[in-house]
Amino acid sequence: MSLLKSILFVFAFSSFCFGQSDTLKIKYALFAETYYLHSATDVKSPIFYNHTTVNQPALNLGLVEFSMQKRNWTIQAGMMLGTYVQKNLASEPDYWKQIYQLNAQIQVNPTNQLVFGIIPSHIGVESAKNSENDCLSRSYIAENSPYYETGITWNYLPNPNLSFRLLALTGWQHIGKYKPALGSQMTFSGSTGWKFNSSHFWGDEGKGFRMFFNHYILLPLSKQFFWTLGGDVGMEAGHWWNGGLTYVTWKPKANIRMSGRLEYYSDPKAIIMPQAFSDVTQSLTIDVPVMRQIVLRSELKHSREFGNELLFAVVFHKQSSGN
């Protein structure tokens, strides 16, 4: 709780800083993802947190975001609702369940930044906002690693192609609970568009000390084809779990996208999963723009454990240019 009090103090101090004479820049964004999942089963497995309503339309994520920037300070906030929120934040106190992010950032100098509060996770290639992901459904390694985090972050950017991040966290994915943990991240990129990311977590989630490592690489194969390779490995109380994915994305035009994914996941000692689990899946996602801010997404997926699924989604995303 002391960490949350510190975060609230930072927000109060930030409000004072915003009282200065510099121009205040305000931006906002709206996001909504509705979906229909056709499956042979009537109930989605509890191991999933996205697209969990079966055989009827539903809202996966609705999100309102805004940011205020003045001098070296930025305040970011986001409120959300949907079936993703109901599942993934079920263990949080009621007054935190609709928070997507709530943080204050201070740019100490051009290469150093501090962030305090609730932030999107530093782990993984996939975002909670579906428009940012090449594949429609979330992979196993995304669903079973943090989507959000609470704490204090130090970002170091020595040059445009290299960045480091160190995090002091309240745990694996907690807002209301406090289980001290550390995180780190290193990102490298090249002039040809490739990117390599390595993210890490160390903490105790109640079953013993947890170490977790996530790596992924994004590689442009041509102007239209892009390859992604990613993997997780974790250890807790002497037991290991791991997962991996690879997918190729084809973009024949700026707003049209097709992605084929192959993935596997294995948790033989039920460290992350509620029971021992392993699976292999294949999926194909096709994105077609309907209007300027609306994209129709569809995915055909086959799982060794759950059979075939057909998923449709309509994604709306609008963002202001700021002032």
Protein backbone atom coordinates (compact mmCIF):
# COMPACT_ATOMS: atom_id res chain seq x y z
CA MET A 1 0.00 0.00 0.00
CA SER A 2 2.94 2.37 0.65
CA LEU A 3 3.88 2.19 -3.04
CA LEU A 4 0.34 3.22 -4.08
CA LYS A 5 0.51 6.16 -1.65
CA SER A 6 3.77 7.22 -3.27
CA ILE A 7 2.12 7.04 -6.69
CA LEU A 8 -0.78 9.22 -5.53
CA PHE A 9 1.74 11.74 -4.14
CA VAL A 10 3.42 11.88 -7.55
CA PHE A 11 0.08 12.63 -9.22
CA ALA A 12 -0.56 15.46 -6.73
CA PHE A 13 2.93 16.86 -7.40
CA SER A 14 2.33 16.54 -11.15
CA SER A 15 -0.85 18.61 -10.87
CA PHE A 16 1.22 21.38 -9.26
CA CYS A 17 3.72 21.24 -12.11
CA PHE A 18 0.89 21.56 -14.63
CA GLY A 19 0.06 24.91 -13.08
CA GLN A 20 3.08 26.50 -14.76
CA SER A 21 2.87 28.76 -17.83
CA ASP A 22 3.90 26.30 -20.57
CA THR A 23 1.34 25.19 -23.14
CA LEU A 24 -0.72 22.20 -22.02
CA LYS A 25 -0.99 19.47 -24.67
CA ILE A 26 -4.00 17.15 -24.38
CA LYS A 27 -4.60 14.02 -26.45
CA TYR A 28 -7.31 11.37 -26.34
CA ALA A 29 -8.00 8.00 -27.95
CA LEU A 30 -11.07 5.78 -28.26
CA PHE A 31 -10.88 2.04 -28.83
CA ALA A 32 -13.53 -0.67 -29.08
CA GLU A 33 -13.38 -4.32 -30.11
CA THR A 34 -16.61 -6.29 -30.50
CA TYR A 35 -16.50 -9.95 -31.46
CA TYR A 36 -18.38 -13.15 -32.24
CA LEU A 37 -16.73 -16.50 -31.46
CA HIS A 38 -18.16 -19.64 -33.08
CA SER A 39 -17.07 -22.81 -31.30
CA ALA A 40 -18.26 -26.37 -30.89
CA THR A 41 -18.19 -25.86 -27.12
CA ASP A 42 -20.70 -23.68 -25.25
CA VAL A 43 -18.18 -22.36 -22.72
CA LYS A 44 -14.68 -21.02 -23.31
CA SER A 45 -11.94 -22.62 -21.23
CA PRO A 46 -11.09 -20.58 -18.07
CA ILE A 47 -7.43 -20.40 -19.12
CA PHE A 48 -8.35 -17.65 -21.62
CA TYR A 49 -8.95 -13.97 -20.83
CA ASN A 50 -9.85 -12.60 -24.27
CA HIS A 51 -12.83 -13.49 -26.49
CA THR A 52 -14.41 -15.61 -23.75
CA THR A 53 -18.09 -15.34 -24.73
CA VAL A 54 -19.11 -18.16 -27.06
CA ASN A 55 -21.71 -18.15 -29.86
CA GLN A 56 -23.08 -14.65 -29.18
CA PRO A 57 -21.82 -11.10 -29.80
CA ALA A 58 -19.85 -9.38 -27.04
CA LEU A 59 -17.50 -6.50 -26.32
CA ASN A 60 -13.96 -7.70 -25.64
CA LEU A 61 -12.49 -4.29 -24.79
CA GLY A 62 -13.82 -0.76 -24.78
CA LEU A 63 -11.27 1.88 -23.88
CA VAL A 64 -11.09 5.65 -23.38
CA GLU A 65 -7.58 7.10 -22.99
CA PHE A 66 -6.23 10.59 -22.52
CA SER A 67 -2.88 12.22 -21.81
CA MET A 68 -1.78 15.66 -20.63
CA GLN A 69 1.73 16.94 -21.26
CA LYS A 70 3.38 20.07 -19.92
CA ARG A 71 7.08 20.83 -19.70
CA ASN A 72 8.80 17.51 -18.84
CA TRP A 73 5.69 15.94 -17.28
CA THR A 74 3.07 13.66 -18.82
CA ILE A 75 -0.06 12.22 -17.18
CA GLN A 76 -1.66 9.17 -18.86
CA ALA A 77 -4.99 7.62 -17.90
CA GLY A 78 -7.32 5.04 -19.42
CA MET A 79 -10.69 3.57 -18.41
CA MET A 80 -11.92 0.26 -19.85
CA LEU A 81 -14.74 -2.29 -19.84
CA GLY A 82 -15.60 -5.55 -21.61
CA THR A 83 -15.29 -9.31 -21.19
CA TYR A 84 -11.48 -9.06 -21.11
CA VAL A 85 -11.77 -6.75 -18.11
CA GLN A 86 -14.23 -9.03 -16.32
CA LYS A 87 -11.89 -12.02 -16.63
CA ASN A 88 -8.39 -10.58 -16.36
CA LEU A 89 -9.02 -8.13 -13.51
CA ALA A 90 -11.43 -10.32 -11.53
CA SER A 91 -9.09 -10.48 -8.53
CA GLU A 92 -8.56 -6.70 -8.29
CA PRO A 93 -10.55 -4.45 -5.91
CA ASP A 94 -13.70 -3.02 -7.53
CA TYR A 95 -12.32 0.54 -7.69
CA TRP A 96 -9.32 -0.62 -9.79
CA LYS A 97 -11.07 -3.00 -12.21
CA GLN A 98 -11.80 -0.40 -14.91
CA ILE A 99 -8.28 1.10 -14.92
CA TYR A 100 -6.28 0.42 -18.10
CA GLN A 101 -3.46 2.73 -17.10
CA LEU A 102 -2.90 5.59 -14.65
CA ASN A 103 0.61 6.96 -14.49
CA ALA A 104 2.82 10.02 -14.33
CA GLN A 105 5.99 10.38 -16.40
CA ILE A 106 8.87 12.79 -15.91
CA GLN A 107 11.49 13.27 -18.60
CA VAL A 108 14.60 13.85 -16.46
CA ASN A 109 16.78 14.52 -19.51
CA PRO A 110 16.79 13.38 -23.17
CA THR A 111 18.01 9.87 -22.24
CA ASN A 112 16.36 9.23 -18.84
CA GLN A 113 12.67 8.98 -17.92
CA LEU A 114 10.83 7.96 -14.73
CA VAL A 115 7.29 6.54 -14.73
CA PHE A 116 5.09 6.05 -11.64
CA GLY A 117 1.78 4.16 -11.55
CA ILE A 118 -0.20 1.57 -13.51
CA ILE A 119 1.27 0.83 -16.94
CA PRO A 120 0.87 -1.73 -19.76
CA SER A 121 3.18 -4.70 -19.22
CA HIS A 122 6.80 -4.57 -20.36
CA ILE A 123 6.55 -8.30 -21.29
CA GLY A 124 5.60 -9.71 -24.68
CA VAL A 125 4.94 -8.68 -28.25
CA GLU A 126 1.12 -8.51 -27.92
CA SER A 127 -0.98 -5.67 -26.52
CA ALA A 128 -4.38 -5.64 -24.82
CA LYS A 129 -5.48 -3.36 -27.69
CA ASN A 130 -6.22 -5.71 -30.55
CA SER A 131 -5.48 -3.25 -33.36
CA GLU A 132 -1.80 -3.40 -32.38
CA ASN A 133 -1.54 -7.20 -32.83
CA ASP A 134 -1.02 -9.01 -36.13
CA CYS A 135 -3.06 -12.02 -34.98
CA LEU A 136 -6.66 -11.70 -33.80
CA SER A 137 -6.66 -14.15 -30.88
CA ARG A 138 -4.03 -13.81 -28.17
CA SER A 139 -1.29 -16.42 -28.01
CA TYR A 140 -0.82 -18.64 -24.96
CA ILE A 141 2.33 -16.77 -23.97
CA ALA A 142 0.41 -13.47 -24.05
CA GLU A 143 -2.59 -14.77 -22.11
CA ASN A 144 -0.37 -16.25 -19.39
CA SER A 145 1.99 -13.34 -18.76
CA PRO A 146 1.13 -9.87 -17.37
CA TYR A 147 -1.03 -7.47 -19.38
CA TYR A 148 -0.54 -4.66 -16.85
CA GLU A 149 1.83 -3.76 -14.01
CA THR A 150 2.03 -1.31 -11.11
CA GLY A 151 5.19 0.32 -9.84
CA ILE A 152 8.08 2.62 -10.68
CA THR A 153 9.97 2.44 -13.98
CA TRP A 154 13.27 3.90 -15.09
CA ASN A 155 13.66 4.14 -18.87
CA TYR A 156 17.11 4.73 -20.39
CA LEU A 157 17.49 5.53 -24.10
CA PRO A 158 21.20 6.00 -24.95
CA ASN A 159 20.42 6.16 -28.68
CA PRO A 160 17.38 5.67 -30.97
CA ASN A 161 18.24 1.99 -31.61
CA LEU A 162 18.90 0.88 -28.03
CA SER A 163 16.78 1.11 -24.87
CA PHE A 164 16.84 -0.27 -21.34
CA ARG A 165 14.15 -0.43 -18.66
CA LEU A 166 14.28 -1.30 -14.95
CA LEU A 167 11.07 -1.75 -12.95
CA ALA A 168 10.20 -2.00 -9.23
CA LEU A 169 6.78 -3.69 -9.22
CA THR A 170 3.97 -4.70 -6.89
CA GLY A 171 4.01 -8.19 -8.41
CA TRP A 172 3.29 -10.30 -11.49
CA GLN A 173 0.05 -8.51 -12.37
CA HIS A 174 -1.30 -6.67 -9.32
CA ILE A 175 -2.79 -3.31 -8.48
CA GLY A 176 -4.44 -3.90 -5.09
CA LYS A 177 -1.98 -6.52 -3.81
CA TYR A 178 1.66 -5.92 -2.96
CA LYS A 179 4.25 -8.60 -3.64
CA PRO A 180 7.61 -6.89 -4.25
CA ALA A 181 9.16 -7.80 -7.60
CA LEU A 182 11.67 -6.57 -10.16
CA GLY A 183 11.50 -6.37 -13.93
CA SER A 184 13.86 -5.41 -16.72
CA GLN A 185 13.82 -4.98 -20.49
CA MET A 186 16.36 -4.53 -23.28
CA THR A 187 15.42 -3.61 -26.85
CA PHE A 188 17.66 -3.41 -29.90
CA SER A 189 16.63 -2.32 -33.41
CA GLY A 190 18.30 -1.80 -36.76
CA SER A 191 18.03 0.57 -39.69
CA THR A 192 16.42 -2.15 -41.85
CA GLY A 193 13.44 -2.45 -39.47
CA TRP A 194 14.42 -5.50 -37.40
CA LYS A 195 13.87 -5.47 -33.63
CA PHE A 196 14.98 -7.75 -30.79
CA ASN A 197 13.41 -7.56 -27.32
CA SER A 198 14.34 -9.32 -24.08
CA SER A 199 12.08 -8.89 -21.01
CA HIS A 200 12.48 -10.35 -17.51
CA PHE A 201 10.65 -10.72 -14.18
CA TRP A 202 11.82 -11.76 -10.69
CA GLY A 203 9.48 -12.12 -7.71
CA ASP A 204 7.58 -14.39 -5.33
CA GLU A 205 3.94 -15.04 -6.22
CA GLY A 206 3.22 -17.40 -3.33
CA LYS A 207 4.49 -20.77 -4.61
CA GLY A 208 8.17 -19.87 -4.40
CA PHE A 209 10.59 -17.53 -6.16
CA ARG A 210 9.62 -16.93 -9.80
CA MET A 211 12.03 -16.17 -12.65
CA PHE A 212 10.56 -15.42 -16.07
CA PHE A 213 12.13 -14.54 -19.41
CA ASN A 214 10.43 -13.43 -22.63
CA HIS A 215 12.22 -12.86 -25.95
CA TYR A 216 10.99 -11.97 -29.41
CA ILE A 217 12.40 -10.79 -32.71
CA LEU A 218 10.62 -8.87 -35.49
CA LEU A 219 12.22 -9.24 -38.90
CA PRO A 220 11.09 -7.68 -42.22
CA LEU A 221 11.53 -10.23 -45.00
CA SER A 222 10.53 -7.79 -47.73
CA LYS A 223 8.36 -4.70 -48.16
CA GLN A 224 5.24 -6.85 -47.75
CA PHE A 225 6.28 -9.81 -45.57
CA PHE A 226 7.25 -9.71 -41.89
CA TRP A 227 8.33 -12.54 -39.59
CA THR A 228 7.90 -12.71 -35.80
CA LEU A 229 9.48 -15.28 -33.49
CA GLY A 230 8.88 -15.29 -29.73
CA GLY A 231 9.22 -17.47 -26.67
CA ASP A 232 8.74 -17.60 -22.89
CA VAL A 233 10.41 -19.67 -20.21
CA GLY A 234 9.69 -19.50 -16.50
CA MET A 235 10.75 -21.25 -13.32
CA GLU A 236 9.05 -21.33 -9.93
CA ALA A 237 9.86 -23.56 -6.95
CA GLY A 238 12.09 -25.72 -9.15
CA HIS A 239 9.43 -26.31 -11.86
CA TRP A 240 9.55 -24.98 -15.42
CA TRP A 241 6.99 -23.91 -18.00
CA ASN A 242 7.54 -22.56 -21.52
CA GLY A 243 5.84 -21.51 -24.73
CA GLY A 244 6.71 -20.28 -28.18
CA LEU A 245 5.20 -18.82 -31.32
CA THR A 246 6.11 -17.89 -34.85
CA TYR A 247 4.03 -16.09 -37.43
CA VAL A 248 4.42 -14.50 -40.84
CA THR A 249 2.45 -11.36 -41.73
CA TRP A 250 1.65 -10.29 -45.29
CA LYS A 251 0.65 -6.67 -45.97
CA PRO A 252 -0.17 -6.35 -49.67
CA LYS A 253 -1.58 -2.85 -49.01
CA ALA A 254 -1.25 -0.41 -46.12
CA ASN A 255 -4.52 -1.37 -44.40
CA ILE A 256 -4.83 -5.04 -45.44
CA ARG A 257 -3.10 -7.69 -43.37
CA MET A 258 -2.92 -11.50 -43.30
CA SER A 259 -1.07 -13.46 -40.59
CA GLY A 260 -0.46 -17.19 -40.15
CA ARG A 261 0.64 -18.36 -36.69
CA LEU A 262 1.97 -21.58 -35.17
CA GLU A 263 2.36 -21.82 -31.39
CA TYR A 264 2.81 -24.24 -28.51
CA TYR A 265 2.56 -24.05 -24.71
CA SER A 266 3.59 -26.43 -21.95
CA ASP A 267 3.01 -26.15 -18.20
CA PRO A 268 3.39 -29.74 -16.90
CA LYS A 269 3.38 -28.78 -13.18
CA ALA A 270 0.47 -26.27 -13.33
CA ILE A 271 2.51 -23.26 -12.27
CA ILE A 272 0.56 -20.78 -14.42
CA MET A 273 -2.36 -22.94 -15.54
CA PRO A 274 -5.00 -24.29 -13.10
CA GLN A 275 -3.91 -27.85 -14.05
CA ALA A 276 -1.16 -29.55 -16.06
CA PHE A 277 -1.51 -28.39 -19.66
CA SER A 278 0.07 -28.49 -23.11
CA ASP A 279 -1.24 -27.55 -26.54
CA VAL A 280 -0.27 -26.77 -30.15
CA THR A 281 -2.34 -24.41 -32.31
CA GLN A 282 -2.40 -23.05 -35.86
CA SER A 283 -4.34 -19.95 -36.92
CA LEU A 284 -4.92 -17.66 -39.89
CA THR A 285 -6.00 -14.02 -39.42
CA ILE A 286 -7.29 -11.70 -42.16
CA ASP A 287 -7.82 -7.95 -41.66
CA VAL A 288 -9.84 -5.79 -44.06
CA PRO A 289 -10.59 -2.07 -43.50
CA VAL A 290 -14.28 -1.16 -43.64
CA MET A 291 -13.98 2.57 -42.97
CA ARG A 292 -11.13 4.90 -42.10
CA GLN A 293 -11.23 3.99 -38.39
CA ILE A 294 -12.91 0.57 -38.53
CA VAL A 295 -11.28 -2.78 -39.38
CA LEU A 296 -13.03 -6.13 -39.83
CA ARG A 297 -10.89 -8.98 -38.48
CA SER A 298 -11.46 -12.72 -38.84
CA GLU A 299 -9.53 -15.78 -37.70
CA LEU A 300 -9.74 -19.51 -38.24
CA LYS A 301 -7.94 -21.41 -35.47
CA HIS A 302 -7.28 -25.07 -34.79
CA SER A 303 -6.14 -26.32 -31.39
CA ARG A 304 -5.09 -29.84 -30.47
CA GLU A 305 -6.95 -29.45 -27.16
CA PHE A 306 -10.01 -27.41 -28.16
CA GLY A 307 -10.61 -28.17 -31.85
CA ASN A 308 -11.70 -25.56 -34.41
CA GLU A 309 -12.84 -22.01 -33.71
CA LEU A 310 -13.99 -19.18 -35.98
CA LEU A 311 -13.59 -15.68 -34.59
CA PHE A 312 -14.89 -12.39 -36.05
CA ALA A 313 -14.16 -8.93 -34.64
CA VAL A 314 -14.91 -5.32 -35.52
CA VAL A 315 -12.23 -2.94 -34.24
CA PHE A 316 -12.77 0.82 -33.93
CA HIS A 317 -9.83 3.10 -33.11
CA LYS A 318 -9.82 6.90 -33.11
CA GLN A 319 -6.98 9.09 -31.88
CA SER A 320 -6.69 12.86 -31.62
CA SER A 321 -3.68 14.71 -32.96
CA GLY A 322 -3.36 16.81 -29.81
CA ASN A 323 -2.92 20.57 -29.52
